[in-house]
PDB file of N, CA and C in Angstrom:
ATOM      1  N   MET A   1       0.716  -1.256  -0.077  1.00  0.00           N
ATOM      2  CA  MET A   1      -0.502  -0.289   0.030  1.00  0.00           C
ATOM      3  C   MET A   1       0.804   1.258  -0.041  1.00  0.00           C
ATOM      4  N   PRO A   2       0.452   2.594  -0.648  1.00  0.00           N
ATOM      5  CA  PRO A   2       1.438   3.305  -0.902  1.00  0.00           C
ATOM      6  C   PRO A   2       1.603   4.380   0.436  1.00  0.00           C
ATOM      7  N   SER A   3       1.951   5.196   0.185  1.00  0.00           N
ATOM      8  CA  SER A   3       2.164   5.779   1.575  1.00  0.00           C
ATOM      9  C   SER A   3       1.378   7.574   1.393  1.00  0.00           C
ATOM     10  N   VAL A   4       0.594   7.474   2.230  1.00  0.00           N
ATOM     11  CA  VAL A   4       0.249   9.127   1.796  1.00  0.00           C
ATOM     12  C   VAL A   4       0.059   9.736   2.956  1.00  0.00           C
ATOM     13  N   HIS A   5       0.709  11.273   2.628  1.00  0.00           N
ATOM     14  CA  HIS A   5       1.272  11.902   3.538  1.00  0.00           C
ATOM     15  C   HIS A   5      -0.084  13.075   3.609  1.00  0.00           C
ATOM     16  N   LYS A   6      -0.051  13.506   5.265  1.00  0.00           N
ATOM     17  CA  LYS A   6      -0.816  14.807   5.243  1.00  0.00           C
ATOM     18  C   LYS A   6      -0.500  15.543   4.236  1.00  0.00           C
ATOM     19  N   HIS A   7       0.351  15.862   4.108  1.00  0.00           N
ATOM     20  CA  HIS A   7       0.750  17.291   2.749  1.00  0.00           C
ATOM     21  C   HIS A   7       1.882  16.884   1.760  1.00  0.00           C
ATOM     22  N   PRO A   8       1.022  16.739   0.841  1.00  0.00           N
ATOM     23  CA  PRO A   8       1.852  16.255  -0.423  1.00  0.00           C
ATOM     24  C   PRO A   8       3.250  17.554  -0.643  1.00  0.00           C
ATOM     25  N   ALA A   9       3.598  16.965  -1.194  1.00  0.00           N
ATOM     26  CA  ALA A   9       5.211  17.814  -1.704  1.00  0.00           C
ATOM     27  C   ALA A   9       4.872  18.802  -2.370  1.00  0.00           C
ATOM     28  N   LYS A  10       5.347  19.727  -2.518  1.00  0.00           N
ATOM     29  CA  LYS A  10       5.562  20.946  -3.669  1.00  0.00           C
ATOM     30  C   LYS A  10       6.769  20.944  -3.965  1.00  0.00           C
ATOM     31  N   ALA A  11       6.478  21.505  -5.351  1.00  0.00           N
ATOM     32  CA  ALA A  11       7.553  21.643  -6.066  1.00  0.00           C
ATOM     33  C   ALA A  11       8.451  23.291  -5.979  1.00  0.00           C
ATOM     34  N   PHE A  12       9.746  23.271  -5.320  1.00  0.00           N
ATOM     35  CA  PHE A  12      10.322  24.703  -5.446  1.00  0.00           C
ATOM     36  C   PHE A  12      11.640  24.156  -5.350  1.00  0.00           C
ATOM     37  N   ARG A  13      11.964  24.950  -6.277  1.00  0.00           N
ATOM     38  CA  ARG A  13      12.975  24.945  -7.387  1.00  0.00           C
ATOM     39  C   ARG A  13      14.137  26.213  -7.486  1.00  0.00           C
ATOM     40  N   PRO A  14      14.736  26.646  -6.020  1.00  0.00           N
ATOM     41  CA  PRO A  14      15.152  27.514  -6.361  1.00  0.00           C
ATOM     42  C   PRO A  14      16.977  27.607  -7.156  1.00  0.00           C
ATOM     43  N   ASP A  15      17.468  28.691  -7.274  1.00  0.00           N
ATOM     44  CA  ASP A  15      18.404  28.903  -7.784  1.00  0.00           C
ATOM     45  C   ASP A  15      19.834  27.496  -6.623  1.00  0.00           C
ATOM     46  N   PRO A  16      20.019  27.151  -7.317  1.00  0.00           N
ATOM     47  CA  PRO A  16      21.056  26.336  -6.424  1.00  0.00           C
ATOM     48  C   PRO A  16      22.101  26.299  -5.414  1.00  0.00           C
ATOM     49  N   GLU A  17      22.922  28.068  -6.079  1.00  0.00           N
ATOM     50  CA  GLU A  17      23.273  27.917  -4.825  1.00  0.00           C
ATOM     51  C   GLU A  17      23.120  29.527  -4.137  1.00  0.00           C
ATOM     52  N   LEU A  18      22.013  29.611  -4.541  1.00  0.00           N
ATOM     53  CA  LEU A  18      21.510  30.669  -3.368  1.00  0.00           C
ATOM     54  C   LEU A  18      20.874  29.394  -2.289  1.00  0.00           C
ATOM     55  N   TYR A  19      20.123  28.161  -3.019  1.00  0.00           N
ATOM     56  CA  TYR A  19      19.500  27.190  -1.974  1.00  0.00           C
ATOM     57  C   TYR A  19      20.963  26.982  -0.848  1.00  0.00           C
ATOM     58  N   GLU A  20      21.780  25.977  -1.505  1.00  0.00           N
ATOM     59  CA  GLU A  20      23.133  26.254  -0.588  1.00  0.00           C
ATOM     60  C   GLU A  20      23.219  27.104   0.702  1.00  0.00           C
ATOM     61  N   ARG A  21      23.305  28.674   0.165  1.00  0.00           N
ATOM     62  CA  ARG A  21      23.158  29.669   1.303  1.00  0.00           C
ATOM     63  C   ARG A  21      22.280  30.233   1.915  1.00  0.00           C
ATOM     64  N   ALA A  22      21.338  29.800   1.923  1.00  0.00           N
ATOM     65  CA  ALA A  22      20.207  28.926   2.981  1.00  0.00           C
ATOM     66  C   ALA A  22      20.004  28.496   3.281  1.00  0.00           C
ATOM     67  N   LYS A  23      20.116  27.012   3.368  1.00  0.00           N
ATOM     68  CA  LYS A  23      20.716  26.361   3.777  1.00  0.00           C
ATOM     69  C   LYS A  23      21.523  26.119   5.244  1.00  0.00           C
ATOM     70  N   ALA A  24      22.599  26.570   4.604  1.00  0.00           N
ATOM     71  CA  ALA A  24      23.759  27.195   5.717  1.00  0.00           C
ATOM     72  C   ALA A  24      23.446  28.129   7.059  1.00  0.00           C
ATOM     73  N   ALA A  25      22.358  29.375   6.217  1.00  0.00           N
ATOM     74  CA  ALA A  25      21.790  30.713   7.089  1.00  0.00           C
ATOM     75  C   ALA A  25      20.770  29.842   8.034  1.00  0.00           C
ATOM     76  N   VAL A  26      19.595  29.097   7.279  1.00  0.00           N
ATOM     77  CA  VAL A  26      19.477  28.360   8.596  1.00  0.00           C
ATOM     78  C   VAL A  26      19.856  27.653   9.883  1.00  0.00           C
ATOM     79  N   ALA A  27      21.106  26.593   9.921  1.00  0.00           N
ATOM     80  CA  ALA A  27      21.702  25.932  10.408  1.00  0.00           C
ATOM     81  C   ALA A  27      22.652  27.130  10.852  1.00  0.00           C
ATOM     82  N   GLU A  28      22.820  28.271  10.963  1.00  0.00           N
ATOM     83  CA  GLU A  28      23.387  29.120  12.149  1.00  0.00           C
ATOM     84  C   GLU A  28      22.533  29.624  12.790  1.00  0.00           C
ATOM     85  N   VAL A  29      21.191  29.523  12.443  1.00  0.00           N
ATOM     86  CA  VAL A  29      20.208  29.817  13.376  1.00  0.00           C
ATOM     87  C   VAL A  29      19.441  29.248  14.189  1.00  0.00           C
ATOM     88  N   GLY A  30      19.599  27.690  13.759  1.00  0.00           N
ATOM     89  CA  GLY A  30      19.800  26.392  14.837  1.00  0.00           C
ATOM     90  C   GLY A  30      18.393  26.279  14.374  1.00  0.00           C
ATOM     91  N   SER A  31      17.757  26.253  12.767  1.00  0.00           N
ATOM     92  CA  SER A  31      16.714  25.861  12.759  1.00  0.00           C
ATOM     93  C   SER A  31      16.512  25.255  11.061  1.00  0.00           C
ATOM     94  N   ASP A  32      15.939  24.834  10.401  1.00  0.00           N
ATOM     95  CA  ASP A  32      15.902  23.940   9.335  1.00  0.00           C
ATOM     96  C   ASP A  32      14.601  24.775   7.878  1.00  0.00           C
ATOM     97  N   MET A  33      14.990  24.544   6.574  1.00  0.00           N
ATOM     98  CA  MET A  33      14.453  25.324   5.348  1.00  0.00           C
ATOM     99  C   MET A  33      12.756  25.097   6.147  1.00  0.00           C
ATOM    100  N   ASN A  34      12.346  24.089   6.026  1.00  0.00           N
ATOM    101  CA  ASN A  34      11.251  23.688   6.186  1.00  0.00           C
ATOM    102  C   ASN A  34      10.503  24.713   7.846  1.00  0.00           C
ATOM    103  N   ALA A  35      10.828  25.156   8.701  1.00  0.00           N
ATOM    104  CA  ALA A  35      10.821  25.663   9.501  1.00  0.00           C
ATOM    105  C   ALA A  35      10.880  27.445   9.289  1.00  0.00           C
ATOM    106  N   HIS A  36      11.704  28.065   8.334  1.00  0.00           N
ATOM    107  CA  HIS A  36      11.657  28.761   7.863  1.00  0.00           C
ATOM    108  C   HIS A  36      11.199  29.381   6.467  1.00  0.00           C
ATOM    109  N   LEU A  37      10.839  28.474   5.679  1.00  0.00           N
ATOM    110  CA  LEU A  37      10.124  28.545   4.837  1.00  0.00           C
ATOM    111  C   LEU A  37       8.080  29.142   5.243  1.00  0.00           C
ATOM    112  N   SER A  38       7.902  28.005   6.248  1.00  0.00           N
ATOM    113  CA  SER A  38       6.713  27.864   6.633  1.00  0.00           C
ATOM    114  C   SER A  38       6.772  29.603   7.670  1.00  0.00           C
ATOM    115  N   GLY A  39       7.744  29.946   8.200  1.00  0.00           N
ATOM    116  CA  GLY A  39       7.471  30.907   8.683  1.00  0.00           C
ATOM    117  C   GLY A  39       7.373  32.038   8.017  1.00  0.00           C
ATOM    118  N   PHE A  40       7.946  31.899   7.177  1.00  0.00           N
ATOM    119  CA  PHE A  40       7.936  33.155   6.135  1.00  0.00           C
ATOM    120  C   PHE A  40       6.503  33.308   4.973  1.00  0.00           C
ATOM    121  N   LEU A  41       5.765  32.284   4.797  1.00  0.00           N
ATOM    122  CA  LEU A  41       4.349  32.052   4.219  1.00  0.00           C
ATOM    123  C   LEU A  41       3.588  32.647   5.254  1.00  0.00           C
ATOM    124  N   ARG A  42       4.007  32.021   6.356  1.00  0.00           N
ATOM    125  CA  ARG A  42       2.943  32.399   7.539  1.00  0.00           C
ATOM    126  C   ARG A  42       2.914  33.729   8.018  1.00  0.00           C
ATOM    127  N   TRP A  43       3.824  34.954   7.547  1.00  0.00           N
ATOM    128  CA  TRP A  43       4.372  36.154   7.822  1.00  0.00           C
ATOM    129  C   TRP A  43       3.354  37.058   7.075  1.00  0.00           C
ATOM    130  N   LEU A  44       3.711  36.216   5.576  1.00  0.00           N
ATOM    131  CA  LEU A  44       3.400  36.641   3.900  1.00  0.00           C
ATOM    132  C   LEU A  44       2.210  37.015   3.867  1.00  0.00           C
ATOM    133  N   THR A  45       1.152  35.741   4.822  1.00  0.00           N
ATOM    134  CA  THR A  45      -0.341  35.641   4.363  1.00  0.00           C
ATOM    135  C   THR A  45      -0.367  36.782   5.678  1.00  0.00           C
ATOM    136  N   GLY A  46      -0.054  37.372   6.278  1.00  0.00           N
ATOM    137  CA  GLY A  46      -0.378  38.203   7.454  1.00  0.00           C
ATOM    138  C   GLY A  46      -1.125  37.784   8.338  1.00  0.00           C
ATOM    139  N   GLU A  47      -0.690  36.723   9.363  1.00  0.00           N
ATOM    140  CA  GLU A  47      -0.640  35.437  10.248  1.00  0.00           C
ATOM    141  C   GLU A  47       0.067  35.073  11.132  1.00  0.00           C
ATOM    142  N   THR A  48       0.878  35.874  11.263  1.00  0.00           N
ATOM    143  CA  THR A  48       1.667  36.535  12.064  1.00  0.00           C
ATOM    144  C   THR A  48       2.347  38.184  11.439  1.00  0.00           C
ATOM    145  N   ASP A  49       2.875  38.626  12.493  1.00  0.00           N
ATOM    146  CA  ASP A  49       4.334  39.927  12.424  1.00  0.00           C
ATOM    147  C   ASP A  49       4.974  39.402  12.241  1.00  0.00           C
ATOM    148  N   GLU A  50       5.795  38.322  12.603  1.00  0.00           N
ATOM    149  CA  GLU A  50       7.334  37.843  12.690  1.00  0.00           C
ATOM    150  C   GLU A  50       7.989  36.913  12.496  1.00  0.00           C
ATOM    151  N   LEU A  51       8.569  37.435  11.581  1.00  0.00           N
ATOM    152  CA  LEU A  51       9.655  36.929  10.445  1.00  0.00           C
ATOM    153  C   LEU A  51      10.877  35.736  11.552  1.00  0.00           C
ATOM    154  N   PRO A  52      10.538  34.469  10.415  1.00  0.00           N
ATOM    155  CA  PRO A  52      12.221  33.981  11.118  1.00  0.00           C
ATOM    156  C   PRO A  52      13.712  34.423  11.324  1.00  0.00           C
ATOM    157  N   PRO A  53      13.902  33.994  12.187  1.00  0.00           N
ATOM    158  CA  PRO A  53      15.412  34.881  12.538  1.00  0.00           C
ATOM    159  C   PRO A  53      16.285  34.086  11.461  1.00  0.00           C
ATOM    160  N   ARG A  54      17.257  35.320  11.355  1.00  0.00           N
ATOM    161  CA  ARG A  54      18.416  35.151   9.968  1.00  0.00           C
ATOM    162  C   ARG A  54      19.835  35.664  10.771  1.00  0.00           C
ATOM    163  N   PRO A  55      20.348  35.483  10.536  1.00  0.00           N
ATOM    164  CA  PRO A  55      22.376  35.546  11.018  1.00  0.00           C
ATOM    165  C   PRO A  55      22.396  36.511  11.204  1.00  0.00           C
ATOM    166  N   GLU A  56      23.438  37.040  11.817  1.00  0.00           N
ATOM    167  CA  GLU A  56      23.728  38.437  11.859  1.00  0.00           C
ATOM    168  C   GLU A  56      24.600  38.766  10.705  1.00  0.00           C
ATOM    169  N   GLN A  57      24.564  40.044  10.061  1.00  0.00           N
ATOM    170  CA  GLN A  57      25.258  40.084   8.658  1.00  0.00           C
ATOM    171  C   GLN A  57      26.518  40.997   9.650  1.00  0.00           C
ATOM    172  N   PRO A  58      27.903  40.788   8.990  1.00  0.00           N
ATOM    173  CA  PRO A  58      28.747  40.913   8.940  1.00  0.00           C
ATOM    174  C   PRO A  58      28.898  42.509   9.062  1.00  0.00           C
ATOM    175  N   GLN A  59      29.906  43.205   9.974  1.00  0.00           N
ATOM    176  CA  GLN A  59      29.042  44.525  10.422  1.00  0.00           C
ATOM    177  C   GLN A  59      31.432  44.511   9.619  1.00  0.00           C
ATOM    178  N   ASP A  60      31.019  45.866   9.090  1.00  0.00           N
ATOM    179  CA  ASP A  60      32.367  46.131   7.587  1.00  0.00           C
ATOM    180  C   ASP A  60      32.874  47.181   8.381  1.00  0.00           C
TER     181      ASP A  60
END
């Protein structure tokens, strides 16, 4: 019997270099890509006013 998921996969195909930088950034703040994308979508749709955290930017 095939596996049935509660939330079927969606196709998201960012630029590979951007995706690698994003994976490093979410790891730096102790998160993962799924949590960050979900958090951003909640902010985008007005469900929350809080954006997911991002790493500190180096000071020049």
